[in-house]
Amino acid sequence: MLKISTRFSVGVHILALLEIAKEHPCTSEFIAGSVNTNPEVIRRLFGMLRKAGLVNTCAGIAGATLAKIPEEITLLDVYRAGGASDRSLFDIHENTNPLCPVGANIQIALSGVVRSAQQAMEEELASRTLADVIGSIRARLERRSRLRAKNAPSEDDDASQSASRHD
């Protein structure tokens, strides 16, 4: 099965990490550890994100920062920064057999559907921001933290268990 590039999701991952871990120097090595990839992949994406005006980096200084506030970065900005604007979400195969009734007509039959799907996806990405993604991540972290706190033994529980052992 053919895969769509992961540059979009990794780009969003990088930007979200830059905001969430902004107190930490976000080097390509640090980010690569979070993404679970090679730092060179992160450096290449940094170049694309910098060119799109989404991150600031300085030569010789470790780390990067967001160039805009998360509310001003749409997911469409990230999608386009990853080079996706050069091509459609779906490519229609070429060089089909013109003597076959399907091969001679498949590109025309699919082109409108593919164009509509691309437009719908881009409209959805334009309506979402990096702040939305960060909010979702923070909400999940908060829920997980509350569950851990709820399931962790309290000091009162420890004291009562200790007292009952001594009785």
Foldseek 3Di string as FASTA:
>chain_A
DDDFDCQLVLLLQLQLCCVVVVVDADALVNSCVVVVHDSVVVVVSVVLCVVLQQKDDDPPDGHIHGSDPQVPAFSLSSCVSSVNVVDFRDDDDDDFDCVDPCSVCVCVVCVVVSVVVRVVVSVVRRVHTSVNVSVVVVVVVVVVVVVCVVPDDDPVNVVVVVVVVVD
